[in-house]
Amino acid sequence: MKRFLWSLGAFLLIAGGSVTAQFVHESEVVGSSYVPAFQNMTGTNANATYYATAYGAGVWAKVAGSTPVYSTNGGQDWVAGTTNVTAGQYFNIEFVNNRFFALCSTFCTAGRQIQYSDDGMTWTAANVPTTNVPVADAQWNDVAYGNGVLVAVSSGMLSGNETANRILRSTDNGATWQIQTLPQINSFPQTFVAANAVVFANGQFILVGNRT
């Protein structure tokens, strides 16, 4: 499973590698009444393989390659967005602080590991450092917002670059990102921490990951 999110009065469950989604109504959140959604759609890009979806600003958006697609009619029709990114597999998408973020997983281009969009239709590569962060196998996994700051985390391979960092932060709502270092943990430098998720709760960011 790639995503489990709440939107429009229903839970949406996305299975990795499949465009198929599942809905469960709010009154039946015990998880026993899931019904298929986004199935057999006939619009543009409806039958391709996608890995994640997000909802915001009245738009559904989903990703797989370098160009996110979107729907403004509840998934009946899907249209390719526009972007200045031409390479990479973007397997994660989030709607955070009124902005969409597409996160690159593989075949990424240096400095273009994150795309953002205010409407889910027009996408722009964020300004990301081109060195000392995972690139080719980036696996950027999650974005969280709190106290005017966005934090993005990655579990990507460092390709032998021991100074690479897996955490980025932004203070301009994701247009520009800077490297965020972590303190040494149990004698292991932060470059050995693979970050799988991040959340902002009770006034602080909490990062979840594993030691590589």
N, C-alpha and C. Protein backbone atom coordinates (compact mmCIF):
# COMPACT_ATOMS: atom_id res chain seq x y z
N MET A 1 0.83 -1.19 0.00
CA MET A 1 0.00 0.00 0.00
C MET A 1 0.87 1.24 0.00
N LYS A 2 0.51 2.22 -0.84
CA LYS A 2 1.29 3.43 -0.93
C LYS A 2 0.66 4.60 -0.17
N ARG A 3 -0.69 4.70 -0.14
CA ARG A 3 -1.31 5.85 0.47
C ARG A 3 -2.63 5.45 1.13
N PHE A 4 -2.92 6.09 2.27
CA PHE A 4 -4.19 5.92 2.94
C PHE A 4 -4.56 7.30 3.45
N LEU A 5 -5.49 8.00 2.78
CA LEU A 5 -5.74 9.38 3.12
C LEU A 5 -7.23 9.64 3.24
N TRP A 6 -7.55 10.75 3.91
CA TRP A 6 -8.94 11.15 4.14
C TRP A 6 -9.25 12.36 3.29
N SER A 7 -10.36 12.29 2.54
CA SER A 7 -10.76 13.42 1.72
C SER A 7 -12.19 13.25 1.28
N LEU A 8 -12.92 14.36 1.20
CA LEU A 8 -14.28 14.38 0.68
C LEU A 8 -15.19 13.38 1.39
N GLY A 9 -15.04 13.24 2.70
CA GLY A 9 -15.91 12.37 3.46
C GLY A 9 -15.65 10.90 3.30
N ALA A 10 -14.50 10.52 2.81
CA ALA A 10 -14.19 9.11 2.61
C ALA A 10 -12.70 8.88 2.79
N PHE A 11 -12.35 7.66 3.13
CA PHE A 11 -10.95 7.26 3.13
C PHE A 11 -10.59 6.75 1.75
N LEU A 12 -9.40 7.09 1.30
CA LEU A 12 -8.92 6.64 -0.01
C LEU A 12 -7.68 5.79 0.18
N LEU A 13 -7.74 4.58 -0.29
CA LEU A 13 -6.63 3.63 -0.17
C LEU A 13 -6.05 3.38 -1.54
N ILE A 14 -4.73 3.62 -1.71
CA ILE A 14 -4.07 3.41 -3.00
C ILE A 14 -3.09 2.25 -2.86
N ALA A 15 -3.22 1.28 -3.72
CA ALA A 15 -2.29 0.14 -3.74
C ALA A 15 -1.13 0.46 -4.66
N GLY A 16 0.08 0.14 -4.25
CA GLY A 16 1.27 0.42 -5.04
C GLY A 16 1.19 -0.21 -6.42
N GLY A 17 1.48 0.59 -7.45
CA GLY A 17 1.53 0.08 -8.80
C GLY A 17 0.19 -0.07 -9.45
N SER A 18 -0.86 0.47 -8.86
CA SER A 18 -2.19 0.29 -9.44
C SER A 18 -2.96 1.58 -9.39
N VAL A 19 -3.75 1.82 -10.43
CA VAL A 19 -4.60 3.00 -10.44
C VAL A 19 -5.85 2.78 -9.60
N THR A 20 -6.12 1.54 -9.20
CA THR A 20 -7.31 1.22 -8.43
C THR A 20 -7.26 1.84 -7.05
N ALA A 21 -8.35 2.47 -6.65
CA ALA A 21 -8.45 3.03 -5.31
C ALA A 21 -9.63 2.39 -4.60
N GLN A 22 -9.71 2.60 -3.29
CA GLN A 22 -10.82 2.07 -2.53
C GLN A 22 -11.38 3.18 -1.64
N PHE A 23 -12.70 3.27 -1.56
CA PHE A 23 -13.35 4.25 -0.71
C PHE A 23 -14.08 3.55 0.45
N VAL A 24 -14.14 4.20 1.61
CA VAL A 24 -15.02 3.75 2.68
C VAL A 24 -15.67 4.99 3.27
N HIS A 25 -16.99 4.97 3.47
CA HIS A 25 -17.70 6.14 3.95
C HIS A 25 -17.37 6.42 5.41
N GLU A 26 -17.56 7.65 5.80
CA GLU A 26 -17.20 8.07 7.16
C GLU A 26 -17.93 7.25 8.21
N SER A 27 -19.18 6.89 7.94
CA SER A 27 -19.95 6.15 8.93
C SER A 27 -19.54 4.69 9.01
N GLU A 28 -18.63 4.27 8.13
CA GLU A 28 -18.23 2.87 8.08
C GLU A 28 -16.71 2.73 8.11
N VAL A 29 -16.08 3.52 8.96
CA VAL A 29 -14.62 3.58 8.97
C VAL A 29 -13.98 2.37 9.62
N VAL A 30 -14.78 1.37 9.98
CA VAL A 30 -14.19 0.16 10.54
C VAL A 30 -13.41 -0.60 9.50
N GLY A 31 -13.55 -0.22 8.22
CA GLY A 31 -12.74 -0.83 7.18
C GLY A 31 -13.35 -2.05 6.55
N SER A 32 -14.65 -2.30 6.77
CA SER A 32 -15.28 -3.50 6.23
C SER A 32 -16.14 -3.23 5.02
N SER A 33 -16.17 -1.99 4.54
CA SER A 33 -17.09 -1.65 3.45
C SER A 33 -16.41 -0.89 2.33
N TYR A 34 -15.20 -1.27 2.00
CA TYR A 34 -14.48 -0.63 0.92
C TYR A 34 -15.11 -0.98 -0.42
N VAL A 35 -15.25 0.03 -1.29
CA VAL A 35 -15.78 -0.20 -2.64
C VAL A 35 -14.82 0.41 -3.64
N PRO A 36 -14.68 -0.16 -4.83
CA PRO A 36 -13.74 0.35 -5.83
C PRO A 36 -14.09 1.76 -6.30
N ALA A 37 -13.07 2.54 -6.57
CA ALA A 37 -13.23 3.88 -7.14
C ALA A 37 -12.12 4.09 -8.15
N PHE A 38 -12.29 5.05 -9.06
CA PHE A 38 -11.33 5.34 -10.11
C PHE A 38 -11.09 4.12 -11.00
N GLN A 39 -12.06 3.21 -11.12
CA GLN A 39 -11.88 2.03 -11.95
C GLN A 39 -12.54 2.23 -13.31
N ASN A 40 -11.88 1.69 -14.35
CA ASN A 40 -12.43 1.69 -15.70
C ASN A 40 -12.80 3.08 -16.19
N MET A 41 -12.05 4.07 -15.80
CA MET A 41 -12.28 5.41 -16.29
C MET A 41 -11.82 5.52 -17.74
N THR A 42 -12.49 6.34 -18.50
CA THR A 42 -12.21 6.41 -19.93
C THR A 42 -11.46 7.67 -20.33
N GLY A 43 -11.20 8.57 -19.40
CA GLY A 43 -10.52 9.80 -19.75
C GLY A 43 -9.04 9.60 -20.04
N THR A 44 -8.40 10.66 -20.51
CA THR A 44 -6.97 10.63 -20.81
C THR A 44 -6.18 10.19 -19.58
N ASN A 45 -5.21 9.29 -19.79
CA ASN A 45 -4.31 8.82 -18.74
C ASN A 45 -5.00 8.02 -17.64
N ALA A 46 -6.24 7.57 -17.87
CA ALA A 46 -6.97 6.89 -16.80
C ALA A 46 -6.44 5.50 -16.52
N ASN A 47 -5.90 4.82 -17.52
CA ASN A 47 -5.55 3.42 -17.35
C ASN A 47 -4.06 3.16 -17.17
N ALA A 48 -3.28 4.20 -16.97
CA ALA A 48 -1.86 4.03 -16.71
C ALA A 48 -1.65 3.56 -15.28
N THR A 49 -0.42 3.17 -14.97
CA THR A 49 -0.09 2.74 -13.62
C THR A 49 0.39 3.93 -12.80
N TYR A 50 -0.21 4.14 -11.63
CA TYR A 50 0.17 5.23 -10.76
C TYR A 50 0.41 4.70 -9.35
N TYR A 51 1.17 5.45 -8.56
CA TYR A 51 1.61 4.96 -7.26
C TYR A 51 1.10 5.77 -6.08
N ALA A 52 0.58 6.96 -6.31
CA ALA A 52 0.11 7.77 -5.19
C ALA A 52 -0.86 8.81 -5.70
N THR A 53 -1.70 9.29 -4.82
CA THR A 53 -2.65 10.33 -5.18
C THR A 53 -2.82 11.29 -4.01
N ALA A 54 -3.30 12.49 -4.32
CA ALA A 54 -3.58 13.48 -3.29
C ALA A 54 -4.74 14.34 -3.76
N TYR A 55 -5.45 14.93 -2.81
CA TYR A 55 -6.58 15.80 -3.15
C TYR A 55 -6.38 17.16 -2.49
N GLY A 56 -6.65 18.23 -3.26
CA GLY A 56 -6.59 19.57 -2.73
C GLY A 56 -7.04 20.57 -3.77
N ALA A 57 -7.55 21.71 -3.33
CA ALA A 57 -7.98 22.78 -4.23
C ALA A 57 -9.01 22.29 -5.24
N GLY A 58 -9.83 21.31 -4.85
CA GLY A 58 -10.85 20.79 -5.75
C GLY A 58 -10.34 19.86 -6.83
N VAL A 59 -9.10 19.40 -6.69
CA VAL A 59 -8.46 18.60 -7.74
C VAL A 59 -7.86 17.33 -7.14
N TRP A 60 -8.02 16.21 -7.86
CA TRP A 60 -7.25 14.99 -7.58
C TRP A 60 -6.01 15.02 -8.44
N ALA A 61 -4.88 14.65 -7.89
CA ALA A 61 -3.64 14.56 -8.66
C ALA A 61 -2.97 13.24 -8.32
N LYS A 62 -2.31 12.62 -9.32
CA LYS A 62 -1.59 11.38 -9.07
C LYS A 62 -0.32 11.37 -9.91
N VAL A 63 0.61 10.51 -9.53
CA VAL A 63 1.93 10.53 -10.16
C VAL A 63 2.45 9.13 -10.42
N ALA A 64 3.36 9.06 -11.39
CA ALA A 64 4.14 7.85 -11.67
C ALA A 64 5.43 8.26 -12.35
N GLY A 65 5.34 8.94 -13.50
CA GLY A 65 6.51 9.41 -14.21
C GLY A 65 6.88 10.81 -13.77
N SER A 66 7.40 11.60 -14.70
CA SER A 66 7.84 12.95 -14.35
C SER A 66 6.71 13.97 -14.43
N THR A 67 5.59 13.60 -15.08
CA THR A 67 4.48 14.54 -15.25
C THR A 67 3.26 14.07 -14.48
N PRO A 68 2.86 14.77 -13.42
CA PRO A 68 1.64 14.41 -12.71
C PRO A 68 0.42 14.60 -13.61
N VAL A 69 -0.64 13.85 -13.33
CA VAL A 69 -1.91 14.02 -14.01
C VAL A 69 -2.95 14.44 -12.98
N TYR A 70 -4.05 15.04 -13.45
CA TYR A 70 -5.04 15.56 -12.52
C TYR A 70 -6.45 15.33 -13.05
N SER A 71 -7.40 15.38 -12.13
CA SER A 71 -8.82 15.25 -12.46
C SER A 71 -9.60 16.31 -11.69
N THR A 72 -10.50 16.98 -12.39
CA THR A 72 -11.35 17.98 -11.76
C THR A 72 -12.79 17.51 -11.65
N ASN A 73 -13.06 16.27 -12.05
CA ASN A 73 -14.43 15.76 -11.99
C ASN A 73 -14.50 14.41 -11.26
N GLY A 74 -13.77 14.33 -10.16
CA GLY A 74 -13.87 13.16 -9.31
C GLY A 74 -13.27 11.90 -9.87
N GLY A 75 -12.33 12.02 -10.79
CA GLY A 75 -11.66 10.86 -11.34
C GLY A 75 -12.25 10.32 -12.62
N GLN A 76 -13.27 10.96 -13.17
CA GLN A 76 -13.84 10.50 -14.43
C GLN A 76 -12.89 10.73 -15.59
N ASP A 77 -12.21 11.85 -15.58
CA ASP A 77 -11.25 12.18 -16.65
C ASP A 77 -9.95 12.64 -16.03
N TRP A 78 -8.85 12.19 -16.63
CA TRP A 78 -7.51 12.55 -16.16
C TRP A 78 -6.74 13.23 -17.27
N VAL A 79 -6.09 14.33 -16.94
CA VAL A 79 -5.37 15.14 -17.91
C VAL A 79 -3.93 15.31 -17.45
N ALA A 80 -2.99 15.20 -18.37
CA ALA A 80 -1.59 15.42 -18.03
C ALA A 80 -1.36 16.88 -17.68
N GLY A 81 -0.69 17.11 -16.57
CA GLY A 81 -0.34 18.47 -16.20
C GLY A 81 0.82 18.98 -17.03
N THR A 82 1.22 20.21 -16.79
CA THR A 82 2.41 20.77 -17.44
C THR A 82 3.50 20.93 -16.39
N THR A 83 4.74 20.68 -16.80
CA THR A 83 5.86 20.76 -15.87
C THR A 83 7.13 21.07 -16.63
N ASN A 84 8.09 21.67 -15.94
CA ASN A 84 9.41 21.90 -16.55
C ASN A 84 10.38 20.79 -16.19
N VAL A 85 9.87 19.68 -15.64
CA VAL A 85 10.68 18.50 -15.34
C VAL A 85 10.48 17.48 -16.45
N THR A 86 11.58 16.93 -16.96
CA THR A 86 11.49 16.01 -18.10
C THR A 86 11.99 14.61 -17.78
N ALA A 87 12.47 14.37 -16.56
CA ALA A 87 13.01 13.05 -16.21
C ALA A 87 12.66 12.73 -14.77
N GLY A 88 12.69 11.44 -14.45
CA GLY A 88 12.45 11.00 -13.09
C GLY A 88 11.14 10.28 -12.92
N GLN A 89 11.09 9.39 -11.93
CA GLN A 89 9.88 8.69 -11.55
C GLN A 89 9.41 9.25 -10.21
N TYR A 90 8.28 9.92 -10.23
CA TYR A 90 7.75 10.56 -9.02
C TYR A 90 6.66 9.66 -8.45
N PHE A 91 7.00 8.92 -7.39
CA PHE A 91 6.09 7.91 -6.85
C PHE A 91 5.30 8.40 -5.64
N ASN A 92 5.55 9.60 -5.16
CA ASN A 92 4.85 10.12 -3.99
C ASN A 92 4.31 11.51 -4.28
N ILE A 93 3.14 11.79 -3.77
CA ILE A 93 2.53 13.11 -3.93
C ILE A 93 1.80 13.48 -2.65
N GLU A 94 1.89 14.74 -2.26
CA GLU A 94 1.26 15.22 -1.03
C GLU A 94 0.58 16.56 -1.31
N PHE A 95 -0.48 16.86 -0.54
CA PHE A 95 -1.05 18.20 -0.53
C PHE A 95 -0.86 18.74 0.87
N VAL A 96 0.07 19.68 1.01
CA VAL A 96 0.48 20.18 2.32
C VAL A 96 0.50 21.70 2.28
N ASN A 97 -0.13 22.32 3.28
CA ASN A 97 -0.15 23.78 3.39
C ASN A 97 -0.63 24.43 2.09
N ASN A 98 -1.73 23.90 1.54
CA ASN A 98 -2.38 24.44 0.34
C ASN A 98 -1.52 24.36 -0.91
N ARG A 99 -0.63 23.38 -0.96
CA ARG A 99 0.21 23.20 -2.15
C ARG A 99 0.48 21.71 -2.37
N PHE A 100 0.44 21.29 -3.64
CA PHE A 100 0.82 19.93 -4.00
C PHE A 100 2.34 19.82 -4.09
N PHE A 101 2.85 18.64 -3.67
CA PHE A 101 4.27 18.33 -3.83
C PHE A 101 4.40 16.93 -4.42
N ALA A 102 5.11 16.81 -5.53
CA ALA A 102 5.45 15.51 -6.12
C ALA A 102 6.90 15.21 -5.78
N LEU A 103 7.15 14.01 -5.25
CA LEU A 103 8.47 13.66 -4.74
C LEU A 103 9.08 12.56 -5.59
N CYS A 104 10.31 12.79 -6.05
CA CYS A 104 10.98 11.86 -6.95
C CYS A 104 11.51 10.64 -6.20
N SER A 105 11.44 9.48 -6.86
CA SER A 105 11.92 8.24 -6.27
C SER A 105 13.14 7.68 -7.00
N THR A 106 13.08 7.61 -8.33
CA THR A 106 14.19 7.05 -9.10
C THR A 106 14.41 7.86 -10.37
N PHE A 107 15.60 7.70 -10.95
CA PHE A 107 15.97 8.36 -12.21
C PHE A 107 15.79 9.88 -12.12
N CYS A 108 16.06 10.42 -10.94
CA CYS A 108 15.86 11.85 -10.72
C CYS A 108 17.02 12.66 -11.28
N THR A 109 16.73 13.91 -11.56
CA THR A 109 17.74 14.85 -12.02
C THR A 109 18.18 15.71 -10.83
N ALA A 110 19.46 15.95 -10.70
CA ALA A 110 19.97 16.76 -9.60
C ALA A 110 19.28 18.12 -9.56
N GLY A 111 18.81 18.50 -8.40
CA GLY A 111 18.14 19.77 -8.23
C GLY A 111 16.67 19.76 -8.56
N ARG A 112 16.16 18.59 -9.02
CA ARG A 112 14.74 18.51 -9.38
C ARG A 112 14.05 17.32 -8.73
N GLN A 113 14.40 17.08 -7.49
CA GLN A 113 13.80 15.96 -6.77
C GLN A 113 12.39 16.25 -6.28
N ILE A 114 12.00 17.52 -6.26
CA ILE A 114 10.69 17.92 -5.77
C ILE A 114 10.04 18.86 -6.77
N GLN A 115 8.78 18.59 -7.11
CA GLN A 115 7.97 19.51 -7.90
C GLN A 115 6.84 20.05 -7.01
N TYR A 116 6.36 21.25 -7.33
CA TYR A 116 5.24 21.79 -6.56
C TYR A 116 4.21 22.42 -7.49
N SER A 117 2.98 22.50 -7.00
CA SER A 117 1.89 23.07 -7.78
C SER A 117 0.82 23.59 -6.83
N ASP A 118 0.24 24.74 -7.15
CA ASP A 118 -0.84 25.29 -6.34
C ASP A 118 -2.20 24.77 -6.77
N ASP A 119 -2.31 24.31 -8.02
CA ASP A 119 -3.61 23.88 -8.52
C ASP A 119 -3.64 22.43 -8.99
N GLY A 120 -2.51 21.72 -8.92
CA GLY A 120 -2.45 20.34 -9.37
C GLY A 120 -2.33 20.19 -10.87
N MET A 121 -2.33 21.29 -11.59
CA MET A 121 -2.29 21.26 -13.05
C MET A 121 -0.96 21.74 -13.61
N THR A 122 -0.47 22.84 -13.09
CA THR A 122 0.79 23.41 -13.54
C THR A 122 1.85 23.18 -12.47
N TRP A 123 2.93 22.49 -12.86
CA TRP A 123 3.96 22.08 -11.91
C TRP A 123 5.29 22.74 -12.22
N THR A 124 6.07 22.99 -11.17
CA THR A 124 7.37 23.64 -11.30
C THR A 124 8.39 22.90 -10.44
N ALA A 125 9.58 22.72 -10.97
CA ALA A 125 10.65 22.10 -10.18
C ALA A 125 11.07 23.06 -9.07
N ALA A 126 11.08 22.56 -7.85
CA ALA A 126 11.56 23.38 -6.74
C ALA A 126 13.07 23.55 -6.84
N ASN A 127 13.57 24.58 -6.21
CA ASN A 127 15.01 24.83 -6.16
C ASN A 127 15.61 23.99 -5.04
N VAL A 128 16.21 22.85 -5.42
CA VAL A 128 16.79 21.90 -4.47
C VAL A 128 18.30 21.87 -4.66
N PRO A 129 19.09 21.74 -3.60
CA PRO A 129 20.54 21.64 -3.76
C PRO A 129 20.91 20.53 -4.73
N THR A 130 21.92 20.77 -5.55
CA THR A 130 22.33 19.80 -6.57
C THR A 130 23.42 18.85 -6.08
N THR A 131 23.96 19.09 -4.91
CA THR A 131 24.99 18.21 -4.35
C THR A 131 24.64 17.87 -2.90
N ASN A 132 25.21 16.78 -2.44
CA ASN A 132 25.07 16.34 -1.04
C ASN A 132 23.66 15.94 -0.64
N VAL A 133 22.83 15.58 -1.62
CA VAL A 133 21.51 14.99 -1.36
C VAL A 133 21.32 13.84 -2.33
N PRO A 134 20.50 12.82 -1.97
CA PRO A 134 20.25 11.72 -2.90
C PRO A 134 19.66 12.21 -4.21
N VAL A 135 20.14 11.64 -5.33
CA VAL A 135 19.69 12.08 -6.64
C VAL A 135 19.09 10.92 -7.43
N ALA A 136 19.93 10.06 -8.02
CA ALA A 136 19.45 9.05 -8.96
C ALA A 136 18.41 8.13 -8.33
N ASP A 137 18.70 7.61 -7.14
CA ASP A 137 17.74 6.79 -6.40
C ASP A 137 17.30 7.57 -5.16
N ALA A 138 16.62 8.67 -5.41
CA ALA A 138 16.35 9.63 -4.35
C ALA A 138 15.40 9.11 -3.28
N GLN A 139 14.28 8.52 -3.71
CA GLN A 139 13.27 8.00 -2.79
C GLN A 139 12.85 9.03 -1.74
N TRP A 140 12.43 10.20 -2.22
CA TRP A 140 11.88 11.20 -1.32
C TRP A 140 10.48 10.74 -0.92
N ASN A 141 10.24 10.61 0.38
CA ASN A 141 9.08 9.87 0.88
C ASN A 141 7.95 10.71 1.43
N ASP A 142 8.24 11.87 2.00
CA ASP A 142 7.19 12.53 2.76
C ASP A 142 7.51 14.01 2.93
N VAL A 143 6.45 14.80 3.16
CA VAL A 143 6.57 16.23 3.44
C VAL A 143 5.63 16.56 4.60
N ALA A 144 6.09 17.40 5.51
CA ALA A 144 5.25 17.86 6.61
C ALA A 144 5.44 19.36 6.79
N TYR A 145 4.42 20.01 7.35
CA TYR A 145 4.46 21.47 7.55
C TYR A 145 4.14 21.80 9.00
N GLY A 146 4.87 22.79 9.53
CA GLY A 146 4.58 23.30 10.86
C GLY A 146 5.41 24.53 11.16
N ASN A 147 4.82 25.49 11.88
CA ASN A 147 5.52 26.70 12.30
C ASN A 147 6.19 27.42 11.13
N GLY A 148 5.52 27.44 9.97
CA GLY A 148 6.06 28.16 8.82
C GLY A 148 7.16 27.45 8.08
N VAL A 149 7.39 26.18 8.39
CA VAL A 149 8.48 25.42 7.78
C VAL A 149 7.95 24.13 7.17
N LEU A 150 8.46 23.78 5.99
CA LEU A 150 8.22 22.48 5.38
C LEU A 150 9.47 21.63 5.54
N VAL A 151 9.28 20.34 5.83
CA VAL A 151 10.39 19.40 5.92
C VAL A 151 10.10 18.23 4.99
N ALA A 152 11.07 17.88 4.14
CA ALA A 152 10.97 16.74 3.24
C ALA A 152 12.04 15.73 3.62
N VAL A 153 11.68 14.43 3.56
CA VAL A 153 12.62 13.39 3.98
C VAL A 153 12.78 12.33 2.91
N SER A 154 13.96 11.70 2.91
CA SER A 154 14.30 10.70 1.90
C SER A 154 14.99 9.50 2.54
N SER A 155 14.80 8.35 1.92
CA SER A 155 15.54 7.15 2.31
C SER A 155 16.43 6.70 1.16
N GLY A 156 16.72 7.62 0.26
CA GLY A 156 17.45 7.29 -0.96
C GLY A 156 18.89 6.88 -0.74
N MET A 157 19.42 6.16 -1.74
CA MET A 157 20.82 5.75 -1.71
C MET A 157 21.72 6.96 -1.89
N LEU A 158 22.87 6.91 -1.24
CA LEU A 158 23.79 8.04 -1.28
C LEU A 158 24.85 7.90 -2.35
N SER A 159 24.86 6.79 -3.06
CA SER A 159 25.77 6.59 -4.19
C SER A 159 27.22 6.83 -3.82
N GLY A 160 27.60 6.41 -2.62
CA GLY A 160 28.98 6.53 -2.19
C GLY A 160 29.36 7.90 -1.68
N ASN A 161 28.42 8.85 -1.70
CA ASN A 161 28.71 10.20 -1.23
C ASN A 161 28.39 10.28 0.26
N GLU A 162 29.39 10.17 1.10
CA GLU A 162 29.16 10.09 2.53
C GLU A 162 28.71 11.40 3.14
N THR A 163 28.77 12.49 2.39
CA THR A 163 28.31 13.76 2.92
C THR A 163 26.89 14.08 2.51
N ALA A 164 26.25 13.15 1.78
CA ALA A 164 24.89 13.40 1.33
C ALA A 164 23.93 13.44 2.52
N ASN A 165 22.89 14.24 2.41
CA ASN A 165 21.91 14.41 3.47
C ASN A 165 20.52 14.03 2.95
N ARG A 166 19.71 13.47 3.84
CA ARG A 166 18.41 12.97 3.42
C ARG A 166 17.25 13.84 3.91
N ILE A 167 17.53 15.01 4.44
CA ILE A 167 16.49 15.88 4.96
C ILE A 167 16.65 17.28 4.37
N LEU A 168 15.53 17.83 3.90
CA LEU A 168 15.51 19.19 3.37
C LEU A 168 14.45 19.99 4.11
N ARG A 169 14.66 21.31 4.20
CA ARG A 169 13.67 22.19 4.82
C ARG A 169 13.44 23.40 3.93
N SER A 170 12.24 23.96 4.02
CA SER A 170 11.88 25.11 3.20
C SER A 170 11.10 26.10 4.05
N THR A 171 11.40 27.39 3.87
CA THR A 171 10.68 28.44 4.59
C THR A 171 9.87 29.31 3.64
N ASP A 172 9.81 28.94 2.35
CA ASP A 172 9.01 29.70 1.38
C ASP A 172 7.95 28.82 0.73
N ASN A 173 7.39 27.91 1.52
CA ASN A 173 6.33 27.00 1.10
C ASN A 173 6.74 26.10 -0.06
N GLY A 174 7.99 25.66 -0.04
CA GLY A 174 8.43 24.63 -0.96
C GLY A 174 9.02 25.07 -2.27
N ALA A 175 9.17 26.37 -2.48
CA ALA A 175 9.79 26.83 -3.73
C ALA A 175 11.30 26.63 -3.69
N THR A 176 11.90 26.79 -2.51
CA THR A 176 13.34 26.64 -2.32
C THR A 176 13.60 25.77 -1.10
N TRP A 177 14.55 24.85 -1.23
CA TRP A 177 14.86 23.93 -0.14
C TRP A 177 16.33 24.01 0.22
N GLN A 178 16.61 23.83 1.53
CA GLN A 178 17.97 23.81 2.03
C GLN A 178 18.22 22.49 2.78
N ILE A 179 19.48 22.08 2.81
CA ILE A 179 19.86 20.87 3.54
C ILE A 179 19.70 21.09 5.04
N GLN A 180 19.11 20.11 5.70
CA GLN A 180 18.98 20.13 7.15
C GLN A 180 19.77 18.95 7.72
N THR A 181 20.73 19.23 8.56
CA THR A 181 21.53 18.17 9.16
C THR A 181 20.92 17.72 10.48
N LEU A 182 21.27 16.52 10.88
CA LEU A 182 20.83 15.95 12.14
C LEU A 182 22.03 15.70 13.04
N PRO A 183 21.82 15.67 14.35
CA PRO A 183 22.94 15.32 15.24
C PRO A 183 23.29 13.85 15.10
N GLN A 184 24.48 13.50 15.52
CA GLN A 184 24.91 12.11 15.50
C GLN A 184 24.04 11.28 16.45
N ILE A 185 23.63 10.09 15.99
CA ILE A 185 22.75 9.24 16.78
C ILE A 185 23.46 7.94 17.11
N ASN A 186 23.73 7.70 18.38
CA ASN A 186 24.37 6.46 18.81
C ASN A 186 25.62 6.14 18.00
N SER A 187 26.46 7.12 17.84
CA SER A 187 27.75 7.03 17.14
C SER A 187 27.61 6.92 15.63
N PHE A 188 26.37 6.96 15.10
CA PHE A 188 26.18 6.94 13.65
C PHE A 188 25.83 8.34 13.17
N PRO A 189 26.57 8.87 12.21
CA PRO A 189 26.24 10.19 11.67
C PRO A 189 24.90 10.17 10.97
N GLN A 190 24.26 11.34 10.84
CA GLN A 190 22.92 11.41 10.28
C GLN A 190 22.85 10.97 8.84
N THR A 191 24.00 10.92 8.14
CA THR A 191 23.98 10.46 6.75
C THR A 191 23.63 8.98 6.65
N PHE A 192 23.65 8.25 7.76
CA PHE A 192 23.29 6.84 7.75
C PHE A 192 21.83 6.61 8.17
N VAL A 193 21.07 7.69 8.35
CA VAL A 193 19.67 7.58 8.73
C VAL A 193 18.80 7.69 7.49
N ALA A 194 18.06 6.61 7.18
CA ALA A 194 17.12 6.62 6.07
C ALA A 194 15.77 7.06 6.62
N ALA A 195 15.28 8.20 6.17
CA ALA A 195 14.04 8.78 6.70
C ALA A 195 12.85 8.35 5.86
N ASN A 196 11.90 7.68 6.48
CA ASN A 196 10.75 7.15 5.75
C ASN A 196 9.51 8.02 5.86
N ALA A 197 9.39 8.79 6.94
CA ALA A 197 8.20 9.62 7.12
C ALA A 197 8.52 10.74 8.09
N VAL A 198 7.72 11.82 8.00
CA VAL A 198 7.87 12.94 8.92
C VAL A 198 6.49 13.49 9.21
N VAL A 199 6.28 13.92 10.46
CA VAL A 199 5.01 14.50 10.86
C VAL A 199 5.29 15.67 11.79
N PHE A 200 4.40 16.68 11.77
CA PHE A 200 4.50 17.78 12.72
C PHE A 200 3.39 17.61 13.73
N ALA A 201 3.76 17.43 14.99
CA ALA A 201 2.78 17.18 16.04
C ALA A 201 3.25 17.79 17.34
N ASN A 202 2.31 18.39 18.07
CA ASN A 202 2.61 18.95 19.39
C ASN A 202 3.78 19.91 19.34
N GLY A 203 3.84 20.71 18.27
CA GLY A 203 4.85 21.75 18.17
C GLY A 203 6.21 21.33 17.70
N GLN A 204 6.36 20.09 17.23
CA GLN A 204 7.67 19.66 16.77
C GLN A 204 7.55 18.68 15.61
N PHE A 205 8.60 18.62 14.80
CA PHE A 205 8.69 17.64 13.73
C PHE A 205 9.21 16.32 14.30
N ILE A 206 8.59 15.23 13.88
CA ILE A 206 9.03 13.90 14.29
C ILE A 206 9.35 13.10 13.04
N LEU A 207 10.57 12.63 12.95
CA LEU A 207 11.05 11.87 11.81
C LEU A 207 11.10 10.40 12.17
N VAL A 208 10.61 9.56 11.25
CA VAL A 208 10.63 8.11 11.45
C VAL A 208 11.47 7.48 10.35
N GLY A 209 12.40 6.63 10.72
CA GLY A 209 13.24 6.01 9.71
C GLY A 209 13.99 4.83 10.27
N ASN A 210 15.07 4.50 9.60
CA ASN A 210 15.90 3.39 10.05
C ASN A 210 17.35 3.68 9.73
N ARG A 211 18.23 2.96 10.37
CA ARG A 211 19.66 3.13 10.14
C ARG A 211 20.07 2.28 8.94
N THR A 212 20.79 2.89 8.00
CA THR A 212 21.20 2.15 6.81
C THR A 212 22.52 1.45 7.05
